Structures are given as C-alpha cells and as structure tokens.
Amino acid sequence: MGRPVLFVTGIQDINEIQTLAGLTVLSRVARTAAEYGAQIEVPTCRSLVMAAARETVEASYLAAGRPDSYQPDRIHYLTDEQFAFVAGVTGYMVREEPAACIYMGGFYAESLILAETGNHIGAIQVAGTAMPSQLPFFVASCDYTLIGEEFFTASAYLSKKPELLGSIKGQDIVKGLVMAAMVITFIFHG
C-alpha cells in the first residue's frame, strides 16, 4: 500500500511481561515488514523499551536479509507522560495514515484514543493486551483483538522458543484435566 505500519508496545516499562510479549510480536511484524519492503514506525514511552525495540527490529531485518533497510530513527522515544505520548502517536497517525496499526502490550485510558484514531483513518488494526478494563475498547475499534491469554499464547507461538511453547502446552493440559474433573464431579454428584 506504500504506507507504513505503526506498532505500539503499550505504555509500560521493559520489566512488565506484557511489554516483553509485545516485543516478541514486534519481532515477527518487523521481519514481515522487512520482507515486503514496508516501513515500520515504533514510538515508545520508555527509553529502555526503545532500546529493546531497536535491537528487536534490527535483528528482524537482519534475519529477513534486509539489514540495509533498517532505519533506527523509526523506533523512537516520545515521552513518559501517558497523554502526551498518545497525543504524539495520534498526531503521527493523522499525518502519515499508516496502513496498519498494531497495539501489543499494556494499555490504560489511551487505548480508546489510539484505537478510535486508527479506526478514523481507516487502518487495519490488531490489538493484544491482558488489561481487562481496556479490552472492550479494542474489541469495539479494532479488526482483530487478542484477549488476555491469547496475547501471551501468540507471543509464545511467534517466538518459537521451546520453553515458552512447553509452558503453554502444560497450561492446556492442566486446563483439560480440570475440565475433565469438573465433568466427572458433575456426573457423579449432579
């Protein structure tokens, strides 16, 4: 489409699991963007997240065989202030009209502002968060939403790391056993 991809990792710092999951998804998105020659814009509101995002995107471009296309200035720090950050991101969205807006991480009140602005400009939007209070806003305004555990599962799947995939498989097995126990209990005591 000749338009950039906007990726927002949330407003939490690097020590939050949602931010790390968002960076894992960013890795896959950046690799796909590199393969197709699309530009990716990653504004951050934490300096350590910016550093990690730069390394992630650079590694993705290298893995895609396009290290010359990597532009570190497209991954930048805006501000730590929540609504100043959102104002900066939405201003970018209105000016540049990205083709896709991807929100993966921990969000608070800014989720509705971001998602509605993306909806207004006609971008394809994908969101993922484990913040229950923000999910309705993403569900209402985005094309696709990863809800809570789906977000972490997608991150683990995209990482291809055996320890993360094993953790997800172990959780699924335990859930299956608990459901079986509930059905058996219901049958014999129902």
N, C-alpha and C. Protein backbone atom coordinates (compact mmCIF):
# COMPACT_ATOMS: atom_id res chain seq x y z
N MET A 1 0.82 -1.20 0.00
CA MET A 1 0.00 0.00 0.00
C MET A 1 0.86 1.26 0.00
N GLY A 2 2.16 1.10 0.22
CA GLY A 2 3.03 2.26 0.22
C GLY A 2 2.93 3.10 1.47
N ARG A 3 2.25 2.59 2.49
CA ARG A 3 2.09 3.32 3.74
C ARG A 3 2.76 2.52 4.86
N PRO A 4 3.20 3.20 5.92
CA PRO A 4 3.93 2.49 6.99
C PRO A 4 3.02 1.65 7.89
N VAL A 5 3.65 0.86 8.73
CA VAL A 5 3.00 0.08 9.77
C VAL A 5 3.35 0.74 11.10
N LEU A 6 2.36 1.00 11.92
CA LEU A 6 2.58 1.57 13.25
C LEU A 6 2.48 0.45 14.27
N PHE A 7 3.48 0.32 15.13
CA PHE A 7 3.47 -0.70 16.18
C PHE A 7 3.69 0.00 17.52
N VAL A 8 2.74 -0.16 18.44
CA VAL A 8 2.84 0.43 19.77
C VAL A 8 2.91 -0.70 20.78
N THR A 9 3.96 -0.68 21.63
CA THR A 9 4.17 -1.75 22.62
C THR A 9 3.53 -1.45 23.96
N GLY A 10 2.61 -0.50 23.99
CA GLY A 10 1.97 -0.14 25.26
C GLY A 10 2.74 0.96 25.96
N ILE A 11 2.33 1.24 27.20
CA ILE A 11 2.97 2.33 27.93
C ILE A 11 3.71 1.86 29.17
N GLN A 12 3.83 0.56 29.32
CA GLN A 12 4.55 0.04 30.48
C GLN A 12 6.04 -0.08 30.18
N ASP A 13 6.81 -0.28 31.25
CA ASP A 13 8.26 -0.36 31.09
C ASP A 13 8.69 -1.77 30.70
N ILE A 14 9.96 -1.94 30.49
CA ILE A 14 10.53 -3.19 29.99
C ILE A 14 10.40 -4.35 30.98
N ASN A 15 10.20 -4.06 32.25
CA ASN A 15 10.10 -5.12 33.26
C ASN A 15 8.70 -5.73 33.35
N GLU A 16 7.77 -5.31 32.52
CA GLU A 16 6.41 -5.85 32.52
C GLU A 16 6.28 -6.93 31.45
N ILE A 17 5.62 -8.03 31.81
CA ILE A 17 5.51 -9.17 30.90
C ILE A 17 4.76 -8.82 29.63
N GLN A 18 3.79 -7.92 29.71
CA GLN A 18 3.06 -7.54 28.51
C GLN A 18 3.95 -6.81 27.51
N THR A 19 4.87 -6.01 28.01
CA THR A 19 5.80 -5.32 27.13
C THR A 19 6.72 -6.32 26.44
N LEU A 20 7.19 -7.31 27.18
CA LEU A 20 8.06 -8.33 26.59
C LEU A 20 7.31 -9.14 25.55
N ALA A 21 6.05 -9.47 25.82
CA ALA A 21 5.24 -10.20 24.84
C ALA A 21 5.04 -9.33 23.60
N GLY A 22 4.82 -8.05 23.79
CA GLY A 22 4.66 -7.13 22.66
C GLY A 22 5.92 -7.06 21.81
N LEU A 23 7.08 -7.07 22.46
CA LEU A 23 8.34 -7.04 21.72
C LEU A 23 8.54 -8.31 20.91
N THR A 24 8.06 -9.43 21.43
CA THR A 24 8.15 -10.69 20.69
C THR A 24 7.29 -10.63 19.43
N VAL A 25 6.09 -10.09 19.56
CA VAL A 25 5.22 -9.92 18.39
C VAL A 25 5.85 -8.92 17.42
N LEU A 26 6.46 -7.86 17.95
CA LEU A 26 7.13 -6.86 17.12
C LEU A 26 8.20 -7.52 16.25
N SER A 27 8.91 -8.48 16.80
CA SER A 27 9.94 -9.17 16.05
C SER A 27 9.38 -9.77 14.77
N ARG A 28 8.26 -10.46 14.89
CA ARG A 28 7.64 -11.10 13.71
C ARG A 28 7.09 -10.05 12.74
N VAL A 29 6.46 -9.03 13.26
CA VAL A 29 5.90 -7.97 12.40
C VAL A 29 7.02 -7.26 11.65
N ALA A 30 8.12 -6.97 12.34
CA ALA A 30 9.25 -6.29 11.71
C ALA A 30 9.88 -7.15 10.62
N ARG A 31 9.96 -8.43 10.87
CA ARG A 31 10.53 -9.33 9.85
C ARG A 31 9.65 -9.36 8.61
N THR A 32 8.34 -9.43 8.81
CA THR A 32 7.42 -9.42 7.68
C THR A 32 7.49 -8.08 6.94
N ALA A 33 7.57 -6.98 7.68
CA ALA A 33 7.70 -5.66 7.06
C ALA A 33 8.98 -5.59 6.24
N ALA A 34 10.07 -6.14 6.77
CA ALA A 34 11.34 -6.13 6.04
C ALA A 34 11.24 -6.95 4.76
N GLU A 35 10.59 -8.10 4.84
CA GLU A 35 10.45 -8.96 3.66
C GLU A 35 9.66 -8.29 2.55
N TYR A 36 8.67 -7.49 2.92
CA TYR A 36 7.82 -6.83 1.92
C TYR A 36 8.25 -5.40 1.61
N GLY A 37 9.30 -4.94 2.23
CA GLY A 37 9.80 -3.60 1.97
C GLY A 37 8.94 -2.50 2.56
N ALA A 38 8.17 -2.82 3.58
CA ALA A 38 7.32 -1.82 4.25
C ALA A 38 8.10 -1.15 5.37
N GLN A 39 7.76 0.10 5.64
CA GLN A 39 8.39 0.80 6.75
C GLN A 39 7.59 0.52 8.03
N ILE A 40 8.30 0.42 9.13
CA ILE A 40 7.65 0.21 10.41
C ILE A 40 8.03 1.35 11.35
N GLU A 41 7.05 1.89 12.02
CA GLU A 41 7.24 3.01 12.95
C GLU A 41 6.90 2.49 14.35
N VAL A 42 7.82 2.67 15.30
CA VAL A 42 7.61 2.17 16.66
C VAL A 42 7.88 3.31 17.65
N PRO A 43 6.86 4.08 18.01
CA PRO A 43 7.04 5.07 19.06
C PRO A 43 6.96 4.39 20.43
N THR A 44 7.79 4.83 21.36
CA THR A 44 7.77 4.25 22.70
C THR A 44 7.67 5.35 23.75
N CYS A 45 7.22 4.96 24.93
CA CYS A 45 7.14 5.95 26.01
C CYS A 45 8.08 5.59 27.16
N ARG A 46 8.98 4.66 26.93
CA ARG A 46 10.01 4.30 27.90
C ARG A 46 11.31 4.12 27.13
N SER A 47 12.38 4.70 27.66
CA SER A 47 13.66 4.66 26.94
C SER A 47 14.23 3.25 26.83
N LEU A 48 14.07 2.42 27.86
CA LEU A 48 14.57 1.05 27.78
C LEU A 48 13.77 0.22 26.77
N VAL A 49 12.50 0.50 26.67
CA VAL A 49 11.68 -0.18 25.66
C VAL A 49 12.15 0.22 24.27
N MET A 50 12.51 1.48 24.09
CA MET A 50 13.03 1.94 22.80
C MET A 50 14.30 1.17 22.44
N ALA A 51 15.21 1.04 23.38
CA ALA A 51 16.46 0.33 23.11
C ALA A 51 16.19 -1.13 22.75
N ALA A 52 15.30 -1.77 23.49
CA ALA A 52 14.96 -3.17 23.20
C ALA A 52 14.25 -3.29 21.86
N ALA A 53 13.37 -2.35 21.55
CA ALA A 53 12.65 -2.38 20.27
C ALA A 53 13.61 -2.19 19.10
N ARG A 54 14.59 -1.32 19.27
CA ARG A 54 15.58 -1.11 18.20
C ARG A 54 16.36 -2.40 17.93
N GLU A 55 16.80 -3.05 19.00
CA GLU A 55 17.53 -4.30 18.84
C GLU A 55 16.65 -5.37 18.19
N THR A 56 15.39 -5.43 18.61
CA THR A 56 14.46 -6.41 18.07
C THR A 56 14.23 -6.19 16.58
N VAL A 57 13.97 -4.96 16.20
CA VAL A 57 13.71 -4.66 14.79
C VAL A 57 14.97 -4.87 13.95
N GLU A 58 16.11 -4.46 14.46
CA GLU A 58 17.35 -4.66 13.72
C GLU A 58 17.62 -6.14 13.48
N ALA A 59 17.42 -6.97 14.51
CA ALA A 59 17.62 -8.41 14.36
C ALA A 59 16.63 -8.99 13.35
N SER A 60 15.42 -8.47 13.32
CA SER A 60 14.41 -8.96 12.38
C SER A 60 14.78 -8.61 10.94
N TYR A 61 15.26 -7.41 10.73
CA TYR A 61 15.69 -7.00 9.39
C TYR A 61 16.89 -7.82 8.95
N LEU A 62 17.79 -8.11 9.86
CA LEU A 62 18.95 -8.94 9.55
C LEU A 62 18.51 -10.36 9.19
N ALA A 63 17.57 -10.92 9.96
CA ALA A 63 17.06 -12.26 9.70
C ALA A 63 16.33 -12.34 8.36
N ALA A 64 15.70 -11.24 7.96
CA ALA A 64 14.99 -11.20 6.68
C ALA A 64 15.93 -10.95 5.51
N GLY A 65 17.22 -10.72 5.81
CA GLY A 65 18.19 -10.47 4.75
C GLY A 65 18.13 -9.06 4.19
N ARG A 66 17.60 -8.12 4.99
CA ARG A 66 17.47 -6.73 4.54
C ARG A 66 18.07 -5.76 5.56
N PRO A 67 19.30 -5.99 6.03
CA PRO A 67 19.86 -5.11 7.05
C PRO A 67 20.02 -3.66 6.58
N ASP A 68 20.15 -3.46 5.28
CA ASP A 68 20.30 -2.11 4.75
C ASP A 68 19.02 -1.29 4.83
N SER A 69 17.87 -1.97 4.98
CA SER A 69 16.58 -1.27 5.06
C SER A 69 16.23 -0.82 6.47
N TYR A 70 16.97 -1.30 7.46
CA TYR A 70 16.69 -0.95 8.86
C TYR A 70 16.97 0.53 9.10
N GLN A 71 16.00 1.23 9.69
CA GLN A 71 16.13 2.65 10.00
C GLN A 71 15.91 2.85 11.50
N PRO A 72 16.98 2.98 12.28
CA PRO A 72 16.82 3.08 13.73
C PRO A 72 16.02 4.30 14.19
N ASP A 73 16.01 5.36 13.40
CA ASP A 73 15.27 6.56 13.80
C ASP A 73 13.76 6.37 13.71
N ARG A 74 13.28 5.27 13.09
CA ARG A 74 11.84 4.97 13.04
C ARG A 74 11.35 4.36 14.36
N ILE A 75 12.29 3.95 15.21
CA ILE A 75 11.96 3.45 16.54
C ILE A 75 12.44 4.52 17.50
N HIS A 76 11.53 5.25 18.10
CA HIS A 76 11.95 6.43 18.86
C HIS A 76 11.14 6.59 20.14
N TYR A 77 11.74 7.33 21.04
CA TYR A 77 11.15 7.66 22.34
C TYR A 77 10.40 8.97 22.20
N LEU A 78 9.15 9.00 22.73
CA LEU A 78 8.39 10.25 22.73
C LEU A 78 8.42 10.92 24.10
N THR A 79 7.77 10.30 25.08
CA THR A 79 7.71 10.85 26.43
C THR A 79 7.16 9.80 27.39
N ASP A 80 7.46 9.97 28.68
CA ASP A 80 6.91 9.07 29.70
C ASP A 80 5.47 9.44 30.08
N GLU A 81 5.04 10.63 29.75
CA GLU A 81 3.69 11.09 30.11
C GLU A 81 2.65 10.42 29.22
N GLN A 82 1.68 9.78 29.86
CA GLN A 82 0.68 8.98 29.17
C GLN A 82 -0.04 9.73 28.04
N PHE A 83 -0.66 10.84 28.35
CA PHE A 83 -1.46 11.51 27.34
C PHE A 83 -0.62 12.33 26.36
N ALA A 84 0.56 12.74 26.77
CA ALA A 84 1.47 13.38 25.82
C ALA A 84 1.94 12.35 24.80
N PHE A 85 2.20 11.14 25.26
CA PHE A 85 2.58 10.05 24.37
C PHE A 85 1.46 9.78 23.36
N VAL A 86 0.24 9.68 23.86
CA VAL A 86 -0.90 9.40 22.98
C VAL A 86 -1.10 10.54 21.98
N ALA A 87 -0.92 11.77 22.42
CA ALA A 87 -1.05 12.90 21.51
C ALA A 87 -0.01 12.81 20.40
N GLY A 88 1.21 12.44 20.74
CA GLY A 88 2.25 12.28 19.74
C GLY A 88 1.95 11.17 18.75
N VAL A 89 1.48 10.04 19.26
CA VAL A 89 1.18 8.90 18.39
C VAL A 89 -0.02 9.20 17.50
N THR A 90 -1.08 9.76 18.06
CA THR A 90 -2.26 10.06 17.24
C THR A 90 -1.96 11.15 16.22
N GLY A 91 -1.11 12.10 16.57
CA GLY A 91 -0.69 13.11 15.60
C GLY A 91 0.02 12.46 14.42
N TYR A 92 0.90 11.51 14.72
CA TYR A 92 1.58 10.76 13.66
C TYR A 92 0.57 10.01 12.80
N MET A 93 -0.41 9.38 13.46
CA MET A 93 -1.41 8.59 12.74
C MET A 93 -2.20 9.46 11.76
N VAL A 94 -2.60 10.63 12.20
CA VAL A 94 -3.38 11.52 11.36
C VAL A 94 -2.54 12.06 10.20
N ARG A 95 -1.28 12.38 10.45
CA ARG A 95 -0.41 12.92 9.41
C ARG A 95 -0.01 11.87 8.38
N GLU A 96 0.45 10.71 8.87
CA GLU A 96 1.03 9.69 7.99
C GLU A 96 0.04 8.64 7.50
N GLU A 97 -1.08 8.49 8.16
CA GLU A 97 -2.11 7.50 7.83
C GLU A 97 -1.50 6.11 7.56
N PRO A 98 -0.97 5.48 8.61
CA PRO A 98 -0.40 4.15 8.41
C PRO A 98 -1.45 3.15 7.91
N ALA A 99 -1.00 2.17 7.14
CA ALA A 99 -1.91 1.15 6.61
C ALA A 99 -2.38 0.22 7.70
N ALA A 100 -1.52 -0.04 8.69
CA ALA A 100 -1.87 -0.94 9.78
C ALA A 100 -1.37 -0.36 11.10
N CYS A 101 -2.19 -0.50 12.12
CA CYS A 101 -1.82 -0.09 13.47
C CYS A 101 -1.91 -1.32 14.36
N ILE A 102 -0.81 -1.63 15.02
CA ILE A 102 -0.75 -2.82 15.87
C ILE A 102 -0.42 -2.37 17.28
N TYR A 103 -1.29 -2.74 18.22
CA TYR A 103 -1.13 -2.36 19.62
C TYR A 103 -0.96 -3.65 20.42
N MET A 104 0.23 -3.90 20.93
CA MET A 104 0.51 -5.12 21.68
C MET A 104 1.26 -4.77 22.96
N GLY A 105 0.58 -4.88 24.09
CA GLY A 105 1.22 -4.58 25.36
C GLY A 105 0.20 -4.13 26.38
N GLY A 106 0.69 -3.47 27.41
CA GLY A 106 -0.16 -2.97 28.48
C GLY A 106 -0.65 -1.57 28.17
N PHE A 107 -1.95 -1.39 28.16
CA PHE A 107 -2.56 -0.10 27.86
C PHE A 107 -3.52 0.29 28.97
N TYR A 108 -3.74 1.57 29.09
CA TYR A 108 -4.71 2.09 30.05
C TYR A 108 -5.71 2.97 29.29
N ALA A 109 -5.98 4.15 29.76
CA ALA A 109 -7.01 5.01 29.16
C ALA A 109 -6.72 5.40 27.73
N GLU A 110 -5.47 5.31 27.32
CA GLU A 110 -5.11 5.72 25.96
C GLU A 110 -5.56 4.74 24.90
N SER A 111 -5.99 3.55 25.30
CA SER A 111 -6.37 2.53 24.32
C SER A 111 -7.50 3.00 23.41
N LEU A 112 -8.50 3.62 23.99
CA LEU A 112 -9.63 4.09 23.18
C LEU A 112 -9.21 5.20 22.22
N ILE A 113 -8.38 6.11 22.67
CA ILE A 113 -7.93 7.21 21.81
C ILE A 113 -7.14 6.66 20.62
N LEU A 114 -6.22 5.74 20.89
CA LEU A 114 -5.43 5.15 19.82
C LEU A 114 -6.30 4.38 18.84
N ALA A 115 -7.14 3.50 19.37
CA ALA A 115 -7.95 2.65 18.51
C ALA A 115 -8.96 3.45 17.69
N GLU A 116 -9.55 4.46 18.28
CA GLU A 116 -10.51 5.28 17.53
C GLU A 116 -9.82 6.12 16.46
N THR A 117 -8.64 6.61 16.74
CA THR A 117 -7.90 7.36 15.72
C THR A 117 -7.53 6.44 14.56
N GLY A 118 -7.07 5.24 14.87
CA GLY A 118 -6.75 4.28 13.82
C GLY A 118 -7.98 3.90 13.01
N ASN A 119 -9.10 3.76 13.69
CA ASN A 119 -10.36 3.46 13.01
C ASN A 119 -10.76 4.62 12.10
N HIS A 120 -10.57 5.83 12.57
CA HIS A 120 -10.93 7.03 11.81
C HIS A 120 -10.12 7.15 10.51
N ILE A 121 -8.84 6.79 10.55
CA ILE A 121 -8.01 6.91 9.35
C ILE A 121 -8.14 5.69 8.43
N GLY A 122 -8.89 4.68 8.87
CA GLY A 122 -9.14 3.51 8.03
C GLY A 122 -8.03 2.47 8.03
N ALA A 123 -7.22 2.46 9.07
CA ALA A 123 -6.13 1.49 9.15
C ALA A 123 -6.65 0.12 9.58
N ILE A 124 -5.97 -0.91 9.15
CA ILE A 124 -6.23 -2.25 9.67
C ILE A 124 -5.63 -2.26 11.07
N GLN A 125 -6.41 -2.69 12.06
CA GLN A 125 -5.93 -2.63 13.44
C GLN A 125 -5.97 -4.00 14.11
N VAL A 126 -4.87 -4.31 14.79
CA VAL A 126 -4.76 -5.53 15.57
C VAL A 126 -4.28 -5.12 16.95
N ALA A 127 -4.96 -5.61 17.98
CA ALA A 127 -4.59 -5.27 19.35
C ALA A 127 -4.45 -6.53 20.19
N GLY A 128 -3.62 -6.44 21.20
CA GLY A 128 -3.47 -7.53 22.15
C GLY A 128 -3.06 -6.96 23.50
N THR A 129 -3.81 -7.31 24.52
CA THR A 129 -3.49 -6.85 25.87
C THR A 129 -4.10 -7.79 26.89
N ALA A 130 -3.55 -7.76 28.08
CA ALA A 130 -4.10 -8.54 29.19
C ALA A 130 -4.77 -7.62 30.20
N MET A 131 -5.04 -6.39 29.80
CA MET A 131 -5.70 -5.42 30.68
C MET A 131 -7.22 -5.55 30.47
N PRO A 132 -7.93 -6.22 31.40
CA PRO A 132 -9.36 -6.47 31.19
C PRO A 132 -10.18 -5.21 30.98
N SER A 133 -9.82 -4.13 31.64
CA SER A 133 -10.62 -2.91 31.52
C SER A 133 -10.46 -2.23 30.16
N GLN A 134 -9.44 -2.57 29.40
CA GLN A 134 -9.21 -1.94 28.11
C GLN A 134 -9.67 -2.79 26.93
N LEU A 135 -9.95 -4.05 27.19
CA LEU A 135 -10.36 -4.95 26.11
C LEU A 135 -11.61 -4.50 25.37
N PRO A 136 -12.66 -3.99 26.06
CA PRO A 136 -13.85 -3.56 25.31
C PRO A 136 -13.54 -2.49 24.26
N PHE A 137 -12.63 -1.60 24.56
CA PHE A 137 -12.29 -0.54 23.62
C PHE A 137 -11.60 -1.11 22.38
N PHE A 138 -10.69 -2.04 22.60
CA PHE A 138 -10.00 -2.66 21.47
C PHE A 138 -10.95 -3.52 20.65
N VAL A 139 -11.81 -4.26 21.33
CA VAL A 139 -12.77 -5.11 20.62
C VAL A 139 -13.70 -4.26 19.75
N ALA A 140 -14.14 -3.13 20.27
CA ALA A 140 -15.07 -2.26 19.54
C ALA A 140 -14.41 -1.54 18.37
N SER A 141 -13.13 -1.23 18.46
CA SER A 141 -12.49 -0.37 17.45
C SER A 141 -11.50 -1.08 16.54
N CYS A 142 -11.06 -2.27 16.89
CA CYS A 142 -10.03 -2.94 16.10
C CYS A 142 -10.60 -4.09 15.28
N ASP A 143 -9.90 -4.42 14.22
CA ASP A 143 -10.33 -5.53 13.37
C ASP A 143 -10.12 -6.87 14.06
N TYR A 144 -9.03 -7.00 14.77
CA TYR A 144 -8.70 -8.23 15.48
C TYR A 144 -8.16 -7.88 16.86
N THR A 145 -8.58 -8.65 17.86
CA THR A 145 -8.11 -8.41 19.23
C THR A 145 -7.72 -9.72 19.87
N LEU A 146 -6.51 -9.75 20.42
CA LEU A 146 -6.05 -10.89 21.21
C LEU A 146 -6.38 -10.59 22.66
N ILE A 147 -7.20 -11.43 23.24
CA ILE A 147 -7.73 -11.17 24.58
C ILE A 147 -6.94 -11.93 25.63
N GLY A 148 -6.30 -11.20 26.52
CA GLY A 148 -5.63 -11.78 27.68
C GLY A 148 -4.66 -12.88 27.33
N GLU A 149 -5.04 -14.09 27.65
CA GLU A 149 -4.17 -15.24 27.47
C GLU A 149 -3.82 -15.49 26.00
N GLU A 150 -4.72 -15.14 25.09
CA GLU A 150 -4.43 -15.28 23.66
C GLU A 150 -3.20 -14.47 23.27
N PHE A 151 -3.07 -13.31 23.87
CA PHE A 151 -1.93 -12.43 23.60
C PHE A 151 -0.62 -13.12 23.96
N PHE A 152 -0.57 -13.71 25.15
CA PHE A 152 0.65 -14.39 25.59
C PHE A 152 0.90 -15.66 24.77
N THR A 153 -0.15 -16.35 24.40
CA THR A 153 -0.02 -17.55 23.58
C THR A 153 0.53 -17.19 22.20
N ALA A 154 0.01 -16.13 21.61
CA ALA A 154 0.50 -15.69 20.31
C ALA A 154 1.98 -15.32 20.39
N SER A 155 2.34 -14.64 21.45
CA SER A 155 3.73 -14.25 21.64
C SER A 155 4.63 -15.48 21.76
N ALA A 156 4.20 -16.47 22.53
CA ALA A 156 4.98 -17.69 22.69
C ALA A 156 5.09 -18.44 21.36
N TYR A 157 3.98 -18.52 20.64
CA TYR A 157 3.99 -19.21 19.35
C TYR A 157 4.93 -18.53 18.36
N LEU A 158 4.87 -17.21 18.29
CA LEU A 158 5.71 -16.48 17.34
C LEU A 158 7.19 -16.54 17.71
N SER A 159 7.49 -16.70 19.01
CA SER A 159 8.89 -16.76 19.44
C SER A 159 9.54 -18.08 19.06
N LYS A 160 8.75 -19.14 18.94
CA LYS A 160 9.25 -20.49 18.64
C LYS A 160 10.22 -21.03 19.70
N LYS A 161 10.20 -20.44 20.89
CA LYS A 161 11.08 -20.90 21.96
C LYS A 161 10.43 -22.10 22.65
N PRO A 162 11.17 -23.21 22.78
CA PRO A 162 10.59 -24.43 23.35
C PRO A 162 10.07 -24.25 24.78
N GLU A 163 10.77 -23.44 25.59
CA GLU A 163 10.33 -23.28 26.98
C GLU A 163 9.01 -22.52 27.07
N LEU A 164 8.77 -21.58 26.17
CA LEU A 164 7.50 -20.86 26.17
C LEU A 164 6.38 -21.72 25.60
N LEU A 165 6.68 -22.45 24.53
CA LEU A 165 5.68 -23.33 23.95
C LEU A 165 5.33 -24.47 24.91
N GLY A 166 6.33 -24.98 25.63
CA GLY A 166 6.08 -26.02 26.62
C GLY A 166 5.21 -25.53 27.76
N SER A 167 5.43 -24.29 28.15
CA SER A 167 4.60 -23.69 29.20
C SER A 167 3.15 -23.60 28.77
N ILE A 168 2.92 -23.18 27.54
CA ILE A 168 1.55 -23.08 27.01
C ILE A 168 0.92 -24.47 26.93
N LYS A 169 1.68 -25.44 26.45
CA LYS A 169 1.16 -26.81 26.35
C LYS A 169 0.84 -27.37 27.73
N GLY A 170 1.70 -27.10 28.71
CA GLY A 170 1.44 -27.55 30.08
C GLY A 170 0.18 -26.93 30.66
N GLN A 171 -0.02 -25.64 30.39
CA GLN A 171 -1.24 -24.98 30.87
C GLN A 171 -2.48 -25.59 30.22
N ASP A 172 -2.40 -25.90 28.94
CA ASP A 172 -3.54 -26.51 28.25
C ASP A 172 -3.86 -27.89 28.82
N ILE A 173 -2.84 -28.66 29.14
CA ILE A 173 -3.05 -29.99 29.72
C ILE A 173 -3.73 -29.86 31.09
N VAL A 174 -3.25 -28.95 31.92
CA VAL A 174 -3.85 -28.75 33.24
C VAL A 174 -5.30 -28.30 33.09
N LYS A 175 -5.58 -27.39 32.16
CA LYS A 175 -6.96 -26.94 31.94
C LYS A 175 -7.85 -28.10 31.52
N GLY A 176 -7.33 -28.97 30.64
CA GLY A 176 -8.09 -30.15 30.22
C GLY A 176 -8.39 -31.07 31.38
N LEU A 177 -7.40 -31.28 32.26
CA LEU A 177 -7.61 -32.14 33.42
C LEU A 177 -8.63 -31.54 34.38
N VAL A 178 -8.56 -30.24 34.59
CA VAL A 178 -9.52 -29.58 35.48
C VAL A 178 -10.93 -29.67 34.90
N MET A 179 -11.07 -29.47 33.61
CA MET A 179 -12.40 -29.58 32.99
C MET A 179 -12.93 -31.00 33.09
N ALA A 180 -12.06 -31.99 32.87
CA ALA A 180 -12.48 -33.39 32.99
C ALA A 180 -12.92 -33.70 34.42
N ALA A 181 -12.16 -33.19 35.40
CA ALA A 181 -12.54 -33.40 36.80
C ALA A 181 -13.88 -32.75 37.11
N MET A 182 -14.13 -31.58 36.56
CA MET A 182 -15.42 -30.91 36.78
C MET A 182 -16.57 -31.70 36.17
N VAL A 183 -16.37 -32.25 34.98
CA VAL A 183 -17.42 -33.03 34.33
C VAL A 183 -17.68 -34.30 35.12
N ILE A 184 -16.63 -34.96 35.55
CA ILE A 184 -16.79 -36.20 36.35
C ILE A 184 -17.50 -35.89 37.65
N THR A 185 -17.12 -34.81 38.31
CA THR A 185 -17.77 -34.41 39.55
C THR A 185 -19.24 -34.10 39.32
N PHE A 186 -19.54 -33.43 38.25
CA PHE A 186 -20.93 -33.09 37.93
C PHE A 186 -21.76 -34.35 37.66
N ILE A 187 -21.17 -35.32 36.94
CA ILE A 187 -21.89 -36.55 36.63
C ILE A 187 -22.20 -37.35 37.89
N PHE A 188 -21.23 -37.49 38.78
CA PHE A 188 -21.42 -38.34 39.96
C PHE A 188 -22.14 -37.62 41.11
N HIS A 189 -22.07 -36.30 41.15
CA HIS A 189 -22.70 -35.56 42.26
C HIS A 189 -23.85 -34.69 41.77
N GLY A 190 -24.11 -34.67 40.48
CA GLY A 190 -25.12 -33.77 39.90
C GLY A 190 -26.48 -34.30 40.10
